[in-house]
Amino acid sequence: MEYQTEDGEALRDDENFCYSAAWEFKGIDSEPELHREPLEFKEVHLAVRSYK
């Protein structure tokens, strides 16, 4: 599968999905607005983890 490694572990896509997101309600007759804020890791770095 495209979302798993050969060992069956989850495959991460940090380049495209490393952000926090929230939808802003703009009113009943308006489309909501998506706000994205990039995540910055200073103490703990992103890493692939194995749960085996």
C-alpha atoms as a PDB file:
ATOM      1  CA  MET A   1       0.000   0.000   0.000  1.00  0.00           C
ATOM      2  CA  GLU A   2       1.131   3.556  -0.571  1.00  0.00           C
ATOM      3  CA  TYR A   3       0.735   4.521   3.112  1.00  0.00           C
ATOM      4  CA  GLN A   4       2.763   1.679   4.581  1.00  0.00           C
ATOM      5  CA  THR A   5       6.388   0.597   4.579  1.00  0.00           C
ATOM      6  CA  GLU A   6       7.354  -2.899   3.437  1.00  0.00           C
ATOM      7  CA  ASP A   7       7.129  -3.979   7.103  1.00  0.00           C
ATOM      8  CA  GLY A   8       3.546  -2.695   7.398  1.00  0.00           C
ATOM      9  CA  GLU A   9       4.448   0.392   9.442  1.00  0.00           C
ATOM     10  CA  ALA A  10       2.771   3.737   8.760  1.00  0.00           C
ATOM     11  CA  LEU A  11       4.526   5.852   6.129  1.00  0.00           C
ATOM     12  CA  ARG A  12       4.748   9.526   7.097  1.00  0.00           C
ATOM     13  CA  ASP A  13       4.542  12.556   4.800  1.00  0.00           C
ATOM     14  CA  ASP A  14       5.915  15.293   7.065  1.00  0.00           C
ATOM     15  CA  GLU A  15       6.832  17.533   4.127  1.00  0.00           C
ATOM     16  CA  ASN A  16       3.177  17.988   3.156  1.00  0.00           C
ATOM     17  CA  PHE A  17       1.352  17.444   6.458  1.00  0.00           C
ATOM     18  CA  CYS A  18       3.447  19.033   9.214  1.00  0.00           C
ATOM     19  CA  TYR A  19       1.013  21.739  10.304  1.00  0.00           C
ATOM     20  CA  SER A  20      -1.795  22.515  12.696  1.00  0.00           C
ATOM     21  CA  ALA A  21      -5.108  23.447  11.089  1.00  0.00           C
ATOM     22  CA  ALA A  22      -8.385  25.022  12.150  1.00  0.00           C
ATOM     23  CA  TRP A  23     -11.516  26.037  10.259  1.00  0.00           C
ATOM     24  CA  GLU A  24     -12.939  29.526  10.836  1.00  0.00           C
ATOM     25  CA  PHE A  25     -16.716  29.876  10.635  1.00  0.00           C
ATOM     26  CA  LYS A  26     -17.554  32.903   8.456  1.00  0.00           C
ATOM     27  CA  GLY A  27     -21.324  32.836   8.762  1.00  0.00           C
ATOM     28  CA  ILE A  28     -24.210  30.719   7.563  1.00  0.00           C
ATOM     29  CA  ASP A  29     -24.087  31.969   3.959  1.00  0.00           C
ATOM     30  CA  SER A  30     -20.268  31.953   3.652  1.00  0.00           C
ATOM     31  CA  GLU A  31     -17.655  29.304   3.067  1.00  0.00           C
ATOM     32  CA  PRO A  32     -15.452  28.512   6.091  1.00  0.00           C
ATOM     33  CA  GLU A  33     -11.785  29.494   5.912  1.00  0.00           C
ATOM     34  CA  LEU A  34      -8.993  27.002   6.585  1.00  0.00           C
ATOM     35  CA  HIS A  35      -6.058  28.339   8.613  1.00  0.00           C
ATOM     36  CA  ARG A  36      -2.770  26.393   8.637  1.00  0.00           C
ATOM     37  CA  GLU A  37       0.198  27.017  10.906  1.00  0.00           C
ATOM     38  CA  PRO A  38       3.487  25.182  10.300  1.00  0.00           C
ATOM     39  CA  LEU A  39       4.772  23.129  13.221  1.00  0.00           C
ATOM     40  CA  GLU A  40       8.272  23.867  14.488  1.00  0.00           C
ATOM     41  CA  PHE A  41      10.075  21.253  16.540  1.00  0.00           C
ATOM     42  CA  LYS A  42      12.896  22.576  18.717  1.00  0.00           C
ATOM     43  CA  GLU A  43      13.287  19.996  21.504  1.00  0.00           C
ATOM     44  CA  VAL A  44      11.853  16.857  19.898  1.00  0.00           C
ATOM     45  CA  HIS A  45      12.583  16.135  16.253  1.00  0.00           C
ATOM     46  CA  LEU A  46      10.279  14.358  13.844  1.00  0.00           C
ATOM     47  CA  ALA A  47      11.194  10.710  13.411  1.00  0.00           C
ATOM     48  CA  VAL A  48       9.690   7.500  12.124  1.00  0.00           C
ATOM     49  CA  ARG A  49       8.903   5.236  15.050  1.00  0.00           C
ATOM     50  CA  SER A  50       8.555   1.484  15.093  1.00  0.00           C
ATOM     51  CA  TYR A  51       6.039  -0.120  17.421  1.00  0.00           C
ATOM     52  CA  LYS A  52       7.352  -3.677  16.996  1.00  0.00           C
END
